[in-house]
Amino acid sequence: MRLVIAFALVAAVTAATTGALTFREARTGVLQQSQDTVIKLLRTHVDRLAPDLAFPPREPGLRQLATDVAAAEPAGTWRVLVVYGGLRATSDPDDPFEEVTPALRRAVDSSRATVFQRVSTGEHTSLVVGMSVTFAATGTGFAAASGIQVFLSVPQRTEAAYVDELVTAVERATVPALGLAVLLALLAARGVLRPVRALRRATRSIAEGRLDTRLAVDGSDELADLSHTFNETAAALEESVAELRGMEARARRFAADVSHELRTPLAAMSAVTDVLDEDADRLDPDTATAVRLISEETVKLARLVDDLMEISRFDAGAAVLHLDEIDLAESLRSTLAARAWTDRVDTDLPPPDTVRGRVDPRRLDVVVANLVGNALRHGARPVLLRLYGDGTQDRAVIEVLDSGPGIPADVLPHVFERFYKSDAARTRTEGSGLGLAITAENVRMHGGTVRAAGRPEGGAVFTVELPLRRDESDPESVR
């Protein structure tokens, strides 16, 4: 639309300018030709009739000269005024002949050349011509002014009609010019915007993940160069993304393979450390300390391998939900009891069967255990576990609050990232570094949300919102 409007404005300005210039030149030509013809005829008739005039002239002679000059024009449109000193005579005795302006009279008085002026009277314009009558001075060969002045008034109705026709012609030509300009604008816009629209569609397709999108390259103009550059960029992007996806797939497969291969030796190591733990009291102090350290580290390594296996299932899309309708409050109590946290964690849970929904009990247990364990390790008591409905009973809200130092504002956006450490110098952690990441994945699989925030009174709060599915037609397994 902007291109069409621009073309129309350019065409309008061009047409108006061209029309105005054409009109001015044509008008000047018409008026120039008219005045040149009138001046030439006036001089011819005055030169022919003036010698027959008695000098010094009297009023009847002046009137006769005015009548003879006016009669020389066949159309009878000339009006003539002859002036000599105080005498004044017109071709028509009743004609006041008021078109002679002071400026024109001064010009005739001061010059022997024929002068003219266009005078408007009402709606009409007349050409007024003035000249001095000269005689050849005896014995000198030079022309001398006689004091007789002849003024001629000619109406320019014909010239005005020509000018009006020119205006009409210009007006009529402007409309087709604008129409042609709009048509050309549409054609130009179509030619320019078609590849631009194709580029926009291709860019949107690339943004949606279809990296094999390419543009057809036609011609050799700037848009063709742009399309060619776009194709090269898309090809390079597709190659880079394919390479990155391959590297990511290999990394995931490597982590899964390593985790799987470590499970068997870790199981054997765990069995050995269990035996050593039982005999640690009978060993010397240094050996007992080493045995307990190995046992603790083996437990942490086993937990890390289990977490890596779980993360690899999320990445591979192999994790599934096994939904079952349960009492969420009872499930949370079971999670605390199974880990002997009942005495260490305060609870604010609704009565039995108040908040029920279809969730995956195992994954809900992992979510609650990870959040409570994180609060116990990195926060401070008292730790509070709270469960309530959102008012519509369509969603359940689980909150874990601690009274520790809280979470710095710059750390909050990263707490659910894998292996994230708020302190770059801290190389050892009590957990695997994947607990909160696994929590977030489990919540996402349920269609819920999890977020972390600081408490005004100190400490941190983790909030989980889960949809409460009650439709019995829900599938038992949801990927």
Protein backbone atom coordinates (compact mmCIF):
# COMPACT_ATOMS: atom_id res chain seq x y z
CA MET A 1 0.00 0.00 0.00
CA ARG A 2 2.85 2.41 0.79
CA LEU A 3 4.40 1.66 -2.59
CA VAL A 4 1.11 2.26 -4.40
CA ILE A 5 0.55 5.51 -2.52
CA ALA A 6 4.11 6.61 -3.27
CA PHE A 7 3.66 5.89 -6.98
CA ALA A 8 0.32 7.74 -6.99
CA LEU A 9 1.83 10.77 -5.24
CA VAL A 10 4.81 10.83 -7.61
CA ALA A 11 2.45 10.50 -10.59
CA ALA A 12 0.19 13.23 -9.23
CA VAL A 13 3.09 15.62 -8.63
CA THR A 14 4.60 14.77 -12.01
CA ALA A 15 1.30 15.19 -13.84
CA ALA A 16 0.53 18.44 -12.03
CA THR A 17 4.01 19.83 -12.66
CA THR A 18 4.02 18.75 -16.29
CA GLY A 19 0.52 20.10 -16.78
CA ALA A 20 1.40 23.42 -15.15
CA LEU A 21 4.56 23.82 -17.23
CA THR A 22 2.74 22.81 -20.40
CA PHE A 23 -0.13 25.14 -19.60
CA ARG A 24 2.22 28.04 -18.92
CA GLU A 25 4.20 27.52 -22.12
CA ALA A 26 1.07 27.04 -24.22
CA ARG A 27 -0.64 30.07 -22.65
CA THR A 28 2.46 32.17 -23.20
CA GLY A 29 2.66 31.01 -26.80
CA VAL A 30 -0.99 31.77 -27.51
CA LEU A 31 -0.85 35.21 -25.93
CA GLN A 32 2.53 35.99 -27.53
CA GLN A 33 1.27 35.12 -30.97
CA SER A 34 -1.90 37.16 -30.43
CA GLN A 35 -0.11 40.28 -29.19
CA ASP A 36 2.57 40.09 -31.89
CA THR A 37 -0.14 39.92 -34.57
CA VAL A 38 -2.10 42.83 -33.08
CA ILE A 39 0.99 45.01 -32.66
CA LYS A 40 2.15 44.32 -36.21
CA LEU A 41 -1.27 45.12 -37.69
CA LEU A 42 -1.62 48.27 -35.56
CA ARG A 43 1.77 49.63 -36.68
CA THR A 44 1.00 48.82 -40.32
CA HIS A 45 -2.34 50.64 -40.27
CA VAL A 46 -1.02 53.62 -38.33
CA ASP A 47 1.97 53.98 -40.64
CA ARG A 48 -0.38 53.88 -43.64
CA LEU A 49 -3.00 56.30 -42.31
CA ALA A 50 -0.94 58.77 -40.27
CA PRO A 51 0.61 60.62 -43.26
CA ASP A 52 -2.89 61.70 -44.41
CA LEU A 53 -3.56 63.38 -41.08
CA ALA A 54 -3.31 67.22 -41.05
CA PHE A 55 -0.83 68.58 -38.58
CA PRO A 56 -1.40 69.94 -36.10
CA PRO A 57 -4.46 67.74 -35.96
CA ARG A 58 -7.88 68.75 -34.83
CA GLU A 59 -10.47 66.60 -33.07
CA PRO A 60 -12.35 65.58 -36.27
CA GLY A 61 -9.07 64.43 -37.79
CA LEU A 62 -8.19 62.44 -34.70
CA ARG A 63 -11.64 60.83 -34.71
CA GLN A 64 -11.27 59.96 -38.39
CA LEU A 65 -7.88 58.35 -37.70
CA ALA A 66 -9.34 56.33 -34.82
CA THR A 67 -12.28 55.23 -36.99
CA ASP A 68 -10.04 54.26 -39.92
CA VAL A 69 -7.68 52.23 -37.67
CA ALA A 70 -10.61 50.42 -36.01
CA ALA A 71 -12.18 49.68 -39.40
CA ALA A 72 -8.98 48.07 -40.62
CA GLU A 73 -9.76 45.00 -38.45
CA PRO A 74 -12.45 42.95 -40.28
CA ALA A 75 -13.88 41.34 -37.13
CA GLY A 76 -14.75 44.73 -35.69
CA THR A 77 -13.32 43.98 -32.26
CA TRP A 78 -10.84 46.83 -32.16
CA ARG A 79 -11.51 49.91 -30.06
CA VAL A 80 -9.17 52.82 -30.77
CA LEU A 81 -8.30 55.96 -28.82
CA VAL A 82 -6.20 58.78 -30.37
CA VAL A 83 -4.77 61.47 -28.12
CA TYR A 84 -2.98 64.73 -29.00
CA GLY A 85 -2.26 67.13 -26.21
CA GLY A 86 -5.62 67.90 -24.65
CA LEU A 87 -7.59 66.47 -27.60
CA ARG A 88 -9.06 63.01 -27.33
CA ALA A 89 -11.06 60.98 -29.88
CA THR A 90 -12.30 57.37 -29.97
CA SER A 91 -13.50 55.13 -32.77
CA ASP A 92 -16.90 55.10 -31.07
CA PRO A 93 -18.05 58.48 -29.74
CA ASP A 94 -19.91 56.78 -26.88
CA ASP A 95 -16.91 54.67 -25.83
CA PRO A 96 -15.27 56.04 -22.62
CA PHE A 97 -12.14 53.92 -23.29
CA GLU A 98 -10.97 53.67 -19.70
CA GLU A 99 -8.51 50.78 -20.16
CA VAL A 100 -5.49 53.08 -20.51
CA THR A 101 -3.65 52.95 -17.20
CA PRO A 102 -1.25 55.63 -15.94
CA ALA A 103 1.62 53.14 -16.21
CA LEU A 104 0.84 52.47 -19.87
CA ARG A 105 0.55 56.20 -20.64
CA ARG A 106 3.91 56.89 -18.98
CA ALA A 107 5.48 54.06 -20.99
CA VAL A 108 4.17 55.55 -24.25
CA ASP A 109 5.34 59.03 -23.26
CA SER A 110 8.85 57.86 -22.50
CA SER A 111 9.40 55.45 -25.39
CA ARG A 112 8.89 55.44 -29.13
CA ALA A 113 8.49 51.67 -29.13
CA THR A 114 5.09 50.05 -29.15
CA VAL A 115 4.12 48.94 -25.62
CA PHE A 116 1.30 46.75 -24.41
CA GLN A 117 -0.46 45.75 -21.22
CA ARG A 118 -3.15 43.20 -20.33
CA VAL A 119 -5.98 44.79 -18.38
CA SER A 120 -8.71 42.85 -16.59
CA THR A 121 -12.16 44.38 -16.38
CA GLY A 122 -14.59 42.18 -14.52
CA GLU A 123 -14.40 38.65 -15.92
CA HIS A 124 -12.81 39.77 -19.21
CA THR A 125 -9.21 40.49 -20.17
CA SER A 126 -8.19 42.90 -22.89
CA LEU A 127 -4.89 43.57 -24.62
CA VAL A 128 -4.19 47.32 -24.61
CA VAL A 129 -1.48 48.52 -27.03
CA GLY A 130 -0.06 52.03 -27.09
CA MET A 131 2.30 53.73 -29.52
CA SER A 132 3.49 57.19 -30.50
CA VAL A 133 3.06 58.43 -34.07
CA THR A 134 6.32 59.74 -35.55
CA PHE A 135 7.16 61.69 -38.68
CA ALA A 136 10.39 61.94 -40.60
CA ALA A 137 12.02 65.30 -39.83
CA THR A 138 12.72 67.31 -42.98
CA GLY A 139 16.35 67.22 -44.07
CA THR A 140 17.54 65.09 -41.11
CA GLY A 141 16.48 61.56 -42.00
CA PHE A 142 15.45 60.99 -38.36
CA ALA A 143 11.98 60.29 -37.01
CA ALA A 144 10.49 62.90 -34.74
CA ALA A 145 7.63 62.48 -32.30
CA SER A 146 4.45 64.14 -33.44
CA GLY A 147 2.80 64.12 -30.03
CA ILE A 148 -0.01 61.93 -31.36
CA GLN A 149 -0.58 58.73 -29.37
CA VAL A 150 -2.72 55.81 -30.50
CA PHE A 151 -4.17 53.31 -28.05
CA LEU A 152 -5.85 50.06 -29.08
CA SER A 153 -7.96 47.74 -26.93
CA VAL A 154 -8.61 44.19 -28.18
CA PRO A 155 -10.69 41.70 -26.16
CA GLN A 156 -8.96 38.34 -25.69
CA ARG A 157 -12.03 36.12 -25.60
CA THR A 158 -10.58 33.77 -28.21
CA GLU A 159 -7.31 33.44 -26.34
CA ALA A 160 -9.21 32.88 -23.08
CA ALA A 161 -11.18 30.10 -24.77
CA TYR A 162 -7.92 28.50 -25.89
CA VAL A 163 -6.56 28.73 -22.35
CA ASP A 164 -9.74 27.20 -20.90
CA GLU A 165 -9.46 24.33 -23.34
CA LEU A 166 -5.85 23.83 -22.25
CA VAL A 167 -6.95 23.66 -18.58
CA THR A 168 -9.64 21.12 -19.47
CA ALA A 169 -7.15 19.06 -21.44
CA VAL A 170 -4.69 19.06 -18.54
CA GLU A 171 -7.43 18.01 -16.11
CA ARG A 172 -8.53 15.23 -18.41
CA ALA A 173 -4.97 14.01 -18.83
CA THR A 174 -4.34 13.94 -15.07
CA VAL A 175 -6.90 11.23 -14.29
CA PRO A 176 -5.52 8.71 -16.85
CA ALA A 177 -2.01 9.54 -15.67
CA LEU A 178 -2.95 8.74 -12.08
CA GLY A 179 -4.71 5.54 -13.15
CA LEU A 180 -1.68 4.48 -15.15
CA ALA A 181 0.57 5.30 -12.19
CA VAL A 182 -1.55 3.17 -9.83
CA LEU A 183 -1.48 0.31 -12.33
CA LEU A 184 2.28 0.58 -12.66
CA ALA A 185 2.54 0.76 -8.86
CA LEU A 186 0.52 -2.43 -8.49
CA LEU A 187 2.68 -4.21 -11.06
CA ALA A 188 5.86 -2.92 -9.45
CA ALA A 189 4.63 -3.81 -5.97
CA ARG A 190 3.72 -7.28 -7.11
CA GLY A 191 7.12 -7.77 -8.70
CA VAL A 192 8.94 -6.46 -5.63
CA LEU A 193 6.78 -7.86 -2.85
CA ARG A 194 6.29 -11.37 -4.26
CA PRO A 195 9.89 -12.41 -3.49
CA VAL A 196 9.74 -10.48 -0.22
CA ARG A 197 6.63 -12.41 0.85
CA ALA A 198 8.31 -15.64 -0.21
CA LEU A 199 11.31 -14.67 1.92
CA ARG A 200 9.02 -13.95 4.87
CA ARG A 201 7.30 -17.34 4.53
CA ALA A 202 10.66 -19.08 4.24
CA THR A 203 12.00 -17.27 7.31
CA ARG A 204 8.91 -18.26 9.31
CA SER A 205 9.34 -21.84 8.11
CA ILE A 206 12.98 -21.81 9.26
CA ALA A 207 11.87 -20.42 12.63
CA GLU A 208 9.38 -23.30 12.96
CA GLY A 209 12.19 -25.80 12.54
CA ARG A 210 11.92 -26.71 8.85
CA LEU A 211 15.57 -26.13 8.08
CA ASP A 212 15.34 -27.66 4.60
CA THR A 213 13.35 -24.64 3.37
CA ARG A 214 14.85 -22.97 0.31
CA LEU A 215 13.88 -20.09 -2.00
CA ALA A 216 13.64 -20.21 -5.79
CA VAL A 217 16.24 -17.85 -7.27
CA ASP A 218 15.02 -16.00 -10.37
CA GLY A 219 16.97 -13.32 -12.18
CA SER A 220 20.12 -11.54 -11.11
CA ASP A 221 18.87 -8.47 -9.25
CA GLU A 222 19.29 -7.57 -5.59
CA LEU A 223 16.33 -9.72 -4.51
CA ALA A 224 17.81 -12.68 -6.34
CA ASP A 225 21.10 -12.08 -4.51
CA LEU A 226 19.18 -11.91 -1.25
CA SER A 227 17.40 -15.19 -2.01
CA HIS A 228 20.70 -16.83 -2.89
CA THR A 229 22.26 -15.58 0.36
CA PHE A 230 19.24 -16.84 2.30
CA ASN A 231 19.63 -20.30 0.76
CA GLU A 232 23.32 -20.39 1.63
CA THR A 233 22.56 -19.28 5.20
CA ALA A 234 19.77 -21.86 5.56
CA ALA A 235 22.03 -24.61 4.24
CA ALA A 236 24.81 -23.65 6.65
CA LEU A 237 22.30 -23.47 9.50
CA GLU A 238 20.85 -26.87 8.62
CA GLU A 239 24.32 -28.38 8.54
CA SER A 240 25.29 -26.79 11.86
CA VAL A 241 22.05 -27.84 13.56
CA ALA A 242 22.37 -31.38 12.21
CA GLU A 243 25.90 -31.53 13.56
CA LEU A 244 24.80 -30.16 16.94
CA ARG A 245 21.90 -32.60 17.12
CA GLY A 246 24.25 -35.42 16.28
CA MET A 247 26.67 -34.32 18.99
CA GLU A 248 23.80 -33.97 21.47
CA ALA A 249 22.46 -37.41 20.60
CA ARG A 250 25.92 -38.93 20.98
CA ALA A 251 26.38 -37.16 24.32
CA ARG A 252 23.03 -38.44 25.59
CA ARG A 253 23.76 -41.92 24.37
CA PHE A 254 27.19 -41.78 25.98
CA ALA A 255 25.74 -40.69 29.34
CA ALA A 256 23.09 -43.40 29.16
CA ASP A 257 25.63 -46.05 28.18
CA VAL A 258 28.07 -45.01 30.88
CA SER A 259 25.33 -44.96 33.49
CA HIS A 260 24.11 -48.36 32.40
CA GLU A 261 27.60 -49.84 32.42
CA LEU A 262 28.31 -48.41 35.88
CA ARG A 263 25.25 -49.97 37.49
CA THR A 264 26.71 -53.51 37.68
CA PRO A 265 30.07 -52.58 39.23
CA LEU A 266 28.35 -50.14 41.54
CA ALA A 267 26.00 -52.87 42.72
CA ALA A 268 29.03 -55.03 43.54
CA MET A 269 30.76 -52.11 45.25
CA SER A 270 27.66 -51.37 47.29
CA ALA A 271 27.51 -54.99 48.47
CA VAL A 272 31.17 -54.90 49.43
CA THR A 273 30.83 -51.58 51.28
CA ASP A 274 27.81 -52.93 53.17
CA VAL A 275 29.93 -55.83 54.41
CA LEU A 276 32.80 -53.50 55.29
CA ASP A 277 30.43 -51.20 57.17
CA GLU A 278 29.34 -54.09 59.38
CA ASP A 279 32.97 -54.87 60.28
CA ALA A 280 34.12 -51.23 60.57
CA ASP A 281 33.85 -51.25 64.34
CA ARG A 282 36.41 -54.09 64.57
CA LEU A 283 38.94 -52.29 62.36
CA ASP A 284 41.56 -49.83 63.49
CA PRO A 285 40.38 -46.17 63.47
CA ASP A 286 42.13 -45.09 60.24
CA THR A 287 40.89 -48.10 58.31
CA ALA A 288 37.38 -47.68 59.68
CA THR A 289 37.32 -44.02 58.60
CA ALA A 290 38.45 -44.99 55.10
CA VAL A 291 35.80 -47.73 54.90
CA ARG A 292 33.02 -45.34 55.94
CA LEU A 293 34.23 -42.72 53.43
CA ILE A 294 34.23 -45.29 50.63
CA SER A 295 30.76 -46.39 51.64
CA GLU A 296 29.40 -42.83 51.61
CA GLU A 297 30.96 -42.03 48.26
CA THR A 298 29.66 -45.27 46.78
CA VAL A 299 26.14 -44.33 47.86
CA LYS A 300 26.52 -40.88 46.27
CA LEU A 301 27.89 -42.40 43.07
CA ALA A 302 25.00 -44.86 42.91
CA ARG A 303 22.53 -41.99 43.36
CA LEU A 304 24.29 -40.00 40.62
CA VAL A 305 24.12 -42.94 38.22
CA ASP A 306 20.41 -43.39 38.95
CA ASP A 307 19.82 -39.68 38.32
CA LEU A 308 21.79 -39.81 35.08
CA MET A 309 19.73 -42.78 33.91
CA GLU A 310 16.54 -40.85 34.71
CA ILE A 311 17.76 -37.72 32.88
CA SER A 312 18.74 -39.82 29.85
CA ARG A 313 15.20 -41.25 29.74
CA PHE A 314 13.78 -37.70 29.77
CA ASP A 315 16.12 -36.65 26.97
CA ALA A 316 15.31 -39.72 24.89
CA GLY A 317 11.56 -39.25 25.37
CA ALA A 318 11.32 -42.66 27.00
CA ALA A 319 9.93 -41.44 30.32
CA VAL A 320 6.21 -42.23 30.80
CA LEU A 321 3.53 -41.40 33.35
CA HIS A 322 1.61 -44.17 35.06
CA LEU A 323 -1.42 -42.33 36.34
CA ASP A 324 -3.43 -43.43 39.32
CA GLU A 325 -6.06 -41.61 41.35
CA ILE A 326 -4.65 -41.07 44.82
CA ASP A 327 -5.02 -38.93 47.90
CA LEU A 328 -2.20 -36.44 47.53
CA ALA A 329 -1.98 -35.67 51.25
CA GLU A 330 -1.55 -39.37 52.08
CA SER A 331 1.11 -39.67 49.34
CA LEU A 332 3.08 -36.78 50.86
CA ARG A 333 2.91 -38.35 54.34
CA SER A 334 4.20 -41.62 52.90
CA THR A 335 7.13 -39.82 51.27
CA LEU A 336 8.19 -38.28 54.59
CA ALA A 337 7.72 -41.51 56.50
CA ALA A 338 9.71 -43.59 53.99
CA ARG A 339 12.73 -41.33 54.49
CA ALA A 340 12.35 -40.86 58.25
CA TRP A 341 11.66 -37.15 57.84
CA THR A 342 8.42 -37.09 59.81
CA ASP A 343 10.07 -35.58 62.88
CA ARG A 344 12.25 -33.17 60.89
CA VAL A 345 9.59 -31.64 58.64
CA ASP A 346 6.47 -29.76 59.71
CA THR A 347 3.35 -30.34 57.61
CA ASP A 348 0.22 -28.42 56.74
CA LEU A 349 -1.87 -31.02 54.92
CA PRO A 350 -5.63 -31.16 54.35
CA PRO A 351 -7.82 -33.94 55.77
CA PRO A 352 -7.86 -37.29 53.93
CA ASP A 353 -9.61 -37.41 50.51
CA THR A 354 -9.81 -33.60 50.34
CA VAL A 355 -7.32 -33.23 47.49
CA ARG A 356 -7.44 -36.17 45.11
CA GLY A 357 -6.24 -36.47 41.52
CA ARG A 358 -4.78 -38.75 38.90
CA VAL A 359 -1.00 -38.47 39.08
CA ASP A 360 1.99 -40.77 38.88
CA PRO A 361 2.63 -41.73 42.53
CA ARG A 362 6.29 -42.64 41.96
CA ARG A 363 7.11 -39.38 40.21
CA LEU A 364 5.16 -37.36 42.81
CA ASP A 365 7.25 -39.09 45.46
CA VAL A 366 10.44 -38.08 43.62
CA VAL A 367 9.28 -34.47 43.33
CA VAL A 368 8.45 -34.12 47.03
CA ALA A 369 11.56 -36.01 48.17
CA ASN A 370 13.88 -33.87 46.07
CA LEU A 371 12.35 -30.59 47.25
CA VAL A 372 12.24 -31.57 50.95
CA GLY A 373 15.74 -33.07 50.78
CA ASN A 374 17.03 -29.89 49.15
CA ALA A 375 15.45 -27.79 51.92
CA LEU A 376 16.99 -29.98 54.62
CA ARG A 377 20.46 -29.93 53.05
CA HIS A 378 20.74 -26.29 51.97
CA GLY A 379 18.14 -24.56 54.16
CA ALA A 380 17.49 -24.61 57.87
CA ARG A 381 14.76 -25.86 60.15
CA PRO A 382 11.92 -25.47 60.52
CA VAL A 383 11.02 -26.92 57.11
CA LEU A 384 7.33 -26.84 56.20
CA LEU A 385 5.52 -29.03 53.63
CA ARG A 386 2.14 -27.60 52.64
CA LEU A 387 -0.64 -28.90 50.35
CA TYR A 388 -3.85 -27.15 49.30
CA GLY A 389 -6.20 -26.71 46.36
CA ASP A 390 -6.19 -23.60 44.22
CA GLY A 391 -9.81 -22.70 44.98
CA THR A 392 -11.27 -24.27 41.84
CA GLN A 393 -10.02 -27.71 42.92
CA ASP A 394 -8.67 -28.18 39.40
CA ARG A 395 -5.07 -27.85 40.54
CA ALA A 396 -3.13 -28.88 43.60
CA VAL A 397 -0.45 -26.64 45.09
CA ILE A 398 2.50 -28.12 46.99
CA GLU A 399 4.86 -25.78 48.84
CA VAL A 400 8.15 -26.55 50.56
CA LEU A 401 9.39 -23.73 52.79
CA ASP A 402 12.64 -23.54 54.76
CA SER A 403 14.19 -21.02 57.13
CA GLY A 404 17.69 -20.95 55.70
CA PRO A 405 19.65 -18.09 54.13
CA GLY A 406 17.44 -18.11 51.04
CA ILE A 407 18.39 -18.10 47.39
CA PRO A 408 20.22 -15.10 45.85
CA ALA A 409 18.28 -13.27 43.16
CA ASP A 410 20.91 -14.03 40.50
CA VAL A 411 20.67 -17.75 41.29
CA LEU A 412 16.87 -18.09 41.11
CA PRO A 413 16.68 -18.34 37.28
CA HIS A 414 19.19 -21.23 37.30
CA VAL A 415 18.16 -23.44 40.23
CA PHE A 416 16.47 -26.00 37.96
CA GLU A 417 19.42 -26.29 35.58
CA ARG A 418 21.48 -29.47 35.54
CA PHE A 419 24.65 -29.45 37.67
CA TYR A 420 24.22 -25.74 38.40
CA LYS A 421 26.33 -24.45 41.28
CA SER A 422 25.63 -21.06 42.81
CA ASP A 423 29.23 -20.95 44.06
CA ALA A 424 31.69 -21.57 41.24
CA ALA A 425 34.43 -22.43 43.76
CA ARG A 426 32.32 -25.20 45.32
CA THR A 427 33.30 -28.42 43.56
CA ARG A 428 31.59 -30.86 45.92
CA THR A 429 27.90 -31.11 46.79
CA GLU A 430 25.97 -33.48 48.98
CA GLY A 431 23.58 -34.31 46.14
CA SER A 432 24.07 -35.27 42.50
CA GLY A 433 23.27 -31.80 41.18
CA LEU A 434 20.38 -33.23 39.17
CA GLY A 435 17.64 -33.41 41.80
CA LEU A 436 15.93 -30.10 40.97
CA ALA A 437 16.31 -30.71 37.23
CA ILE A 438 14.60 -34.12 37.61
CA THR A 439 11.90 -32.46 39.74
CA ALA A 440 11.20 -29.92 37.01
CA GLU A 441 11.00 -32.65 34.34
CA ASN A 442 8.56 -34.71 36.42
CA VAL A 443 6.34 -31.70 37.06
CA ARG A 444 6.42 -30.79 33.37
CA MET A 445 5.33 -34.30 32.42
CA HIS A 446 2.25 -33.84 34.62
CA GLY A 447 1.48 -30.58 32.86
CA GLY A 448 2.27 -28.54 35.95
CA THR A 449 4.74 -25.83 36.91
CA VAL A 450 7.44 -25.45 39.55
CA ARG A 451 9.11 -22.26 40.67
CA ALA A 452 11.50 -21.08 43.36
CA ALA A 453 11.38 -17.80 45.28
CA GLY A 454 12.76 -16.14 48.36
CA ARG A 455 10.67 -15.52 51.47
CA PRO A 456 10.47 -11.98 52.89
CA GLU A 457 11.12 -13.31 56.38
CA GLY A 458 14.10 -15.36 55.17
CA GLY A 459 14.50 -18.75 53.57
CA ALA A 460 13.29 -20.16 50.27
CA VAL A 461 9.98 -21.51 49.02
CA PHE A 462 9.48 -23.98 46.20
CA THR A 463 5.96 -24.08 44.72
CA VAL A 464 4.59 -26.91 42.58
CA GLU A 465 1.23 -26.69 40.80
CA LEU A 466 -0.22 -29.93 39.42
CA PRO A 467 -3.44 -30.39 37.43
CA LEU A 468 -5.84 -32.80 39.13
CA ARG A 469 -6.99 -35.22 36.43
CA ARG A 470 -10.26 -36.91 37.38
CA ASP A 471 -11.37 -38.17 33.98
CA GLU A 472 -11.47 -41.97 34.10
CA SER A 473 -10.77 -42.05 30.37
CA ASP A 474 -7.22 -40.76 30.95
CA PRO A 475 -4.69 -43.23 29.62
CA GLU A 476 -2.75 -45.25 32.15
CA SER A 477 0.54 -44.27 30.55
CA VAL A 478 1.29 -40.79 29.26
CA ARG A 479 4.59 -40.05 27.53
